[in-house]
Amino acid sequence: MSEIQNSRVKRPYWGYLLLLGGSLALLAGARLLLQEPPRPAGPLPTAELWTATPTPLPTALPPTPTSPTEGIGIGSRVRVSGTAGSGLSLRSGPGVNNERV
């Protein structure tokens, strides 16, 4: 009977030792994971950052009007453009309902 009592007395100590050993192992692992890595010797390298700069596309220039001193008048010559071959129809007023001249 004394052997059974001796084994019961020794058994709880193993549990405490395992708990203590596991706790120490967790603390050591946490310290290794949370520790700052060593810095390299010498100056730290710097990265060059290249960025693309968008360039604006050229816009179409509006057609240049004729000089205002010339104008359209009786006996003057004018050049018609932008009708895509349809020609020009002069009317007595603005709009398509006015009489053609």
N, C-alpha and C. Protein backbone atom coordinates (compact mmCIF):
# COMPACT_ATOMS: atom_id res chain seq x y z
N MET A 1 0.81 -1.18 0.00
CA MET A 1 0.00 0.00 0.00
C MET A 1 0.86 1.26 0.00
N SER A 2 1.99 1.20 0.57
CA SER A 2 2.88 2.36 0.61
C SER A 2 3.39 2.70 -0.79
N GLU A 3 3.52 1.71 -1.67
CA GLU A 3 3.97 1.99 -3.05
C GLU A 3 2.91 2.79 -3.81
N ILE A 4 1.67 2.45 -3.57
CA ILE A 4 0.59 3.18 -4.24
C ILE A 4 0.55 4.61 -3.74
N GLN A 5 0.72 4.80 -2.45
CA GLN A 5 0.71 6.16 -1.90
C GLN A 5 1.91 6.96 -2.40
N ASN A 6 3.06 6.33 -2.54
CA ASN A 6 4.25 7.03 -3.04
C ASN A 6 4.06 7.47 -4.49
N SER A 7 3.43 6.64 -5.31
CA SER A 7 3.22 7.01 -6.72
C SER A 7 2.20 8.13 -6.83
N ARG A 8 1.23 8.16 -5.91
CA ARG A 8 0.25 9.26 -5.94
C ARG A 8 0.90 10.57 -5.51
N VAL A 9 1.84 10.52 -4.64
CA VAL A 9 2.50 11.72 -4.17
C VAL A 9 3.39 12.30 -5.26
N LYS A 10 4.05 11.46 -6.02
CA LYS A 10 4.98 11.92 -7.06
C LYS A 10 4.24 12.41 -8.31
N ARG A 11 3.06 11.95 -8.56
CA ARG A 11 2.35 12.26 -9.80
C ARG A 11 2.03 13.76 -9.95
N PRO A 12 1.56 14.51 -8.94
CA PRO A 12 1.24 15.93 -9.15
C PRO A 12 2.46 16.77 -9.51
N TYR A 13 3.65 16.41 -9.05
CA TYR A 13 4.84 17.18 -9.39
C TYR A 13 5.14 17.17 -10.88
N TRP A 14 4.87 16.07 -11.56
CA TRP A 14 5.11 15.98 -13.01
C TRP A 14 4.21 16.98 -13.75
N GLY A 15 3.00 17.11 -13.31
CA GLY A 15 2.08 18.07 -13.94
C GLY A 15 2.58 19.50 -13.80
N TYR A 16 3.07 19.86 -12.61
CA TYR A 16 3.61 21.21 -12.40
C TYR A 16 4.86 21.45 -13.24
N LEU A 17 5.70 20.42 -13.33
CA LEU A 17 6.92 20.56 -14.14
C LEU A 17 6.58 20.72 -15.62
N LEU A 18 5.60 19.98 -16.11
CA LEU A 18 5.19 20.12 -17.52
C LEU A 18 4.58 21.50 -17.77
N LEU A 19 3.78 21.98 -16.84
CA LEU A 19 3.17 23.30 -16.97
C LEU A 19 4.24 24.39 -16.97
N LEU A 20 5.21 24.27 -16.08
CA LEU A 20 6.31 25.23 -16.01
C LEU A 20 7.16 25.19 -17.29
N GLY A 21 7.47 23.99 -17.76
CA GLY A 21 8.27 23.86 -18.99
C GLY A 21 7.53 24.40 -20.21
N GLY A 22 6.23 24.14 -20.31
CA GLY A 22 5.45 24.66 -21.43
C GLY A 22 5.36 26.18 -21.39
N SER A 23 5.20 26.73 -20.20
CA SER A 23 5.14 28.18 -20.06
C SER A 23 6.46 28.82 -20.48
N LEU A 24 7.57 28.23 -20.06
CA LEU A 24 8.88 28.76 -20.45
C LEU A 24 9.09 28.67 -21.96
N ALA A 25 8.64 27.57 -22.55
CA ALA A 25 8.78 27.42 -24.00
C ALA A 25 7.95 28.47 -24.73
N LEU A 26 6.73 28.75 -24.26
CA LEU A 26 5.89 29.78 -24.88
C LEU A 26 6.51 31.17 -24.74
N LEU A 27 7.05 31.47 -23.59
CA LEU A 27 7.69 32.77 -23.39
C LEU A 27 8.92 32.95 -24.29
N ALA A 28 9.71 31.89 -24.40
CA ALA A 28 10.90 31.97 -25.26
C ALA A 28 10.49 32.14 -26.72
N GLY A 29 9.45 31.42 -27.16
CA GLY A 29 8.98 31.56 -28.54
C GLY A 29 8.41 32.94 -28.82
N ALA A 30 7.67 33.48 -27.86
CA ALA A 30 7.11 34.82 -28.03
C ALA A 30 8.22 35.86 -28.10
N ARG A 31 9.26 35.71 -27.31
CA ARG A 31 10.36 36.67 -27.35
C ARG A 31 11.08 36.62 -28.70
N LEU A 32 11.27 35.42 -29.23
CA LEU A 32 11.93 35.30 -30.53
C LEU A 32 11.09 35.92 -31.64
N LEU A 33 9.78 35.75 -31.57
CA LEU A 33 8.92 36.28 -32.62
C LEU A 33 8.77 37.80 -32.53
N LEU A 34 8.76 38.35 -31.34
CA LEU A 34 8.52 39.78 -31.16
C LEU A 34 9.80 40.60 -31.10
N GLN A 35 10.94 39.97 -31.12
CA GLN A 35 12.22 40.67 -31.04
C GLN A 35 12.50 41.38 -32.36
N GLU A 36 13.05 42.59 -32.29
CA GLU A 36 13.37 43.37 -33.48
C GLU A 36 14.58 42.76 -34.19
N PRO A 37 14.52 42.63 -35.52
CA PRO A 37 15.66 42.04 -36.25
C PRO A 37 16.88 42.95 -36.17
N PRO A 38 18.07 42.39 -36.28
CA PRO A 38 19.29 43.22 -36.21
C PRO A 38 19.40 44.12 -37.44
N ARG A 39 19.93 45.32 -37.23
CA ARG A 39 20.10 46.27 -38.33
C ARG A 39 21.36 45.94 -39.12
N PRO A 40 21.33 46.15 -40.43
CA PRO A 40 22.52 45.90 -41.23
C PRO A 40 23.59 46.95 -40.94
N ALA A 41 24.83 46.56 -41.12
CA ALA A 41 25.94 47.49 -40.89
C ALA A 41 26.00 48.50 -42.03
N GLY A 42 26.34 49.73 -41.72
CA GLY A 42 26.47 50.76 -42.74
C GLY A 42 25.17 51.50 -42.97
N PRO A 43 25.15 52.36 -43.98
CA PRO A 43 23.94 53.14 -44.25
C PRO A 43 22.83 52.26 -44.83
N LEU A 44 21.61 52.65 -44.56
CA LEU A 44 20.47 51.90 -45.07
C LEU A 44 20.26 52.24 -46.54
N PRO A 45 19.93 51.26 -47.36
CA PRO A 45 19.69 51.54 -48.78
C PRO A 45 18.37 52.28 -48.94
N THR A 46 18.33 53.16 -49.94
CA THR A 46 17.10 53.88 -50.24
C THR A 46 16.58 53.41 -51.59
N ALA A 47 15.29 53.35 -51.69
CA ALA A 47 14.66 52.90 -52.93
C ALA A 47 14.36 54.08 -53.83
N GLU A 48 14.51 53.88 -55.14
CA GLU A 48 14.15 54.91 -56.10
C GLU A 48 12.74 54.60 -56.59
N LEU A 49 11.87 55.59 -56.52
CA LEU A 49 10.49 55.41 -56.92
C LEU A 49 10.25 56.17 -58.21
N TRP A 50 9.95 55.43 -59.26
CA TRP A 50 9.66 56.04 -60.56
C TRP A 50 8.16 56.06 -60.74
N THR A 51 7.62 57.20 -61.07
CA THR A 51 6.20 57.31 -61.33
C THR A 51 5.98 57.84 -62.75
N ALA A 52 4.91 57.40 -63.35
CA ALA A 52 4.57 57.85 -64.70
C ALA A 52 3.78 59.15 -64.61
N THR A 53 4.21 60.14 -65.37
CA THR A 53 3.51 61.41 -65.41
C THR A 53 2.70 61.46 -66.70
N PRO A 54 1.37 61.56 -66.59
CA PRO A 54 0.58 61.59 -67.82
C PRO A 54 0.80 62.89 -68.58
N THR A 55 0.92 62.77 -69.88
CA THR A 55 1.08 63.95 -70.73
C THR A 55 -0.25 64.21 -71.42
N PRO A 56 -0.69 65.45 -71.48
CA PRO A 56 -1.98 65.74 -72.13
C PRO A 56 -1.90 65.50 -73.63
N LEU A 57 -2.98 65.01 -74.18
CA LEU A 57 -3.05 64.78 -75.61
C LEU A 57 -3.29 66.10 -76.33
N PRO A 58 -2.73 66.26 -77.51
CA PRO A 58 -2.96 67.51 -78.23
C PRO A 58 -4.43 67.62 -78.65
N THR A 59 -4.97 68.80 -78.54
CA THR A 59 -6.37 69.02 -78.92
C THR A 59 -6.41 69.64 -80.31
N ALA A 60 -7.50 69.40 -81.01
CA ALA A 60 -7.66 69.95 -82.35
C ALA A 60 -7.92 71.45 -82.24
N LEU A 61 -7.25 72.22 -83.05
CA LEU A 61 -7.43 73.66 -83.05
C LEU A 61 -8.68 74.02 -83.86
N PRO A 62 -9.45 74.99 -83.40
CA PRO A 62 -10.62 75.40 -84.19
C PRO A 62 -10.17 76.09 -85.47
N PRO A 63 -11.00 76.03 -86.50
CA PRO A 63 -10.60 76.67 -87.76
C PRO A 63 -10.46 78.18 -87.57
N THR A 64 -9.48 78.73 -88.22
CA THR A 64 -9.25 80.17 -88.09
C THR A 64 -10.23 80.93 -89.00
N PRO A 65 -10.97 81.87 -88.44
CA PRO A 65 -11.92 82.63 -89.28
C PRO A 65 -11.19 83.63 -90.16
N THR A 66 -11.87 84.05 -91.19
CA THR A 66 -11.29 85.07 -92.07
C THR A 66 -11.30 86.39 -91.33
N SER A 67 -10.54 87.32 -91.81
CA SER A 67 -10.46 88.61 -91.13
C SER A 67 -11.81 89.33 -91.21
N PRO A 68 -12.20 90.01 -90.15
CA PRO A 68 -13.51 90.66 -90.13
C PRO A 68 -13.62 91.83 -91.11
N THR A 69 -12.52 92.34 -91.64
CA THR A 69 -12.61 93.48 -92.56
C THR A 69 -13.12 93.05 -93.93
N GLU A 70 -12.92 91.77 -94.29
CA GLU A 70 -13.35 91.32 -95.61
C GLU A 70 -14.85 91.11 -95.62
N GLY A 71 -15.39 90.17 -94.85
CA GLY A 71 -16.82 89.94 -94.76
C GLY A 71 -17.47 89.49 -96.05
N ILE A 72 -18.76 89.18 -95.98
CA ILE A 72 -19.53 88.79 -97.16
C ILE A 72 -20.30 90.01 -97.62
N GLY A 73 -20.20 90.29 -98.87
CA GLY A 73 -20.91 91.44 -99.44
C GLY A 73 -21.15 91.23 -100.93
N ILE A 74 -21.81 92.19 -101.53
CA ILE A 74 -22.11 92.11 -102.95
C ILE A 74 -20.81 92.23 -103.73
N GLY A 75 -20.59 91.24 -104.59
CA GLY A 75 -19.42 91.25 -105.44
C GLY A 75 -18.16 90.70 -104.77
N SER A 76 -18.23 90.30 -103.51
CA SER A 76 -17.04 89.75 -102.86
C SER A 76 -16.99 88.24 -103.05
N ARG A 77 -15.80 87.72 -102.96
CA ARG A 77 -15.61 86.26 -103.10
C ARG A 77 -15.43 85.66 -101.71
N VAL A 78 -16.09 84.51 -101.50
CA VAL A 78 -15.97 83.80 -100.23
C VAL A 78 -15.63 82.34 -100.50
N ARG A 79 -15.01 81.70 -99.54
CA ARG A 79 -14.70 80.28 -99.66
C ARG A 79 -15.58 79.54 -98.64
N VAL A 80 -16.33 78.56 -99.11
CA VAL A 80 -17.22 77.77 -98.26
C VAL A 80 -16.50 76.47 -97.92
N SER A 81 -16.47 76.13 -96.63
CA SER A 81 -15.84 74.88 -96.22
C SER A 81 -16.70 74.21 -95.16
N GLY A 82 -16.51 72.94 -94.98
CA GLY A 82 -17.22 72.18 -93.95
C GLY A 82 -18.62 71.74 -94.35
N THR A 83 -18.95 71.75 -95.65
CA THR A 83 -20.29 71.31 -96.07
C THR A 83 -20.28 69.88 -96.58
N ALA A 84 -19.14 69.24 -96.61
CA ALA A 84 -18.98 67.86 -97.07
C ALA A 84 -19.56 67.66 -98.47
N GLY A 85 -19.39 68.65 -99.34
CA GLY A 85 -19.81 68.52 -100.73
C GLY A 85 -21.27 68.86 -100.97
N SER A 86 -22.00 69.30 -99.95
CA SER A 86 -23.43 69.62 -100.14
C SER A 86 -23.64 71.01 -100.72
N GLY A 87 -22.66 71.85 -100.66
CA GLY A 87 -22.82 73.20 -101.20
C GLY A 87 -23.34 74.16 -100.16
N LEU A 88 -23.77 75.35 -100.63
CA LEU A 88 -24.21 76.41 -99.74
C LEU A 88 -25.52 76.96 -100.25
N SER A 89 -26.43 77.19 -99.32
CA SER A 89 -27.72 77.77 -99.67
C SER A 89 -27.94 79.00 -98.81
N LEU A 90 -27.99 80.19 -99.44
CA LEU A 90 -28.20 81.44 -98.72
C LEU A 90 -29.70 81.72 -98.63
N ARG A 91 -30.13 82.17 -97.44
CA ARG A 91 -31.54 82.48 -97.21
C ARG A 91 -31.65 83.91 -96.70
N SER A 92 -32.84 84.43 -96.72
CA SER A 92 -33.06 85.82 -96.31
C SER A 92 -33.00 86.00 -94.79
N GLY A 93 -33.09 84.93 -94.02
CA GLY A 93 -33.03 84.98 -92.59
C GLY A 93 -32.50 83.66 -92.03
N PRO A 94 -32.31 83.60 -90.73
CA PRO A 94 -31.82 82.36 -90.16
C PRO A 94 -32.89 81.27 -90.16
N GLY A 95 -32.47 80.03 -90.30
CA GLY A 95 -33.40 78.90 -90.29
C GLY A 95 -33.67 78.41 -91.70
N VAL A 96 -34.29 77.25 -91.81
CA VAL A 96 -34.57 76.65 -93.12
C VAL A 96 -35.94 77.04 -93.67
N ASN A 97 -36.76 77.76 -92.91
CA ASN A 97 -38.09 78.14 -93.37
C ASN A 97 -38.09 79.47 -94.11
N ASN A 98 -37.00 80.20 -94.11
CA ASN A 98 -36.93 81.48 -94.82
C ASN A 98 -36.68 81.27 -96.32
N GLU A 99 -36.98 82.29 -97.10
CA GLU A 99 -36.86 82.20 -98.56
C GLU A 99 -35.38 82.21 -98.97
N ARG A 100 -35.07 81.40 -99.97
CA ARG A 100 -33.70 81.34 -100.50
C ARG A 100 -33.44 82.59 -101.33
N VAL A 101 -32.22 83.06 -101.24
CA VAL A 101 -31.82 84.26 -101.98
C VAL A 101 -31.17 83.87 -103.27
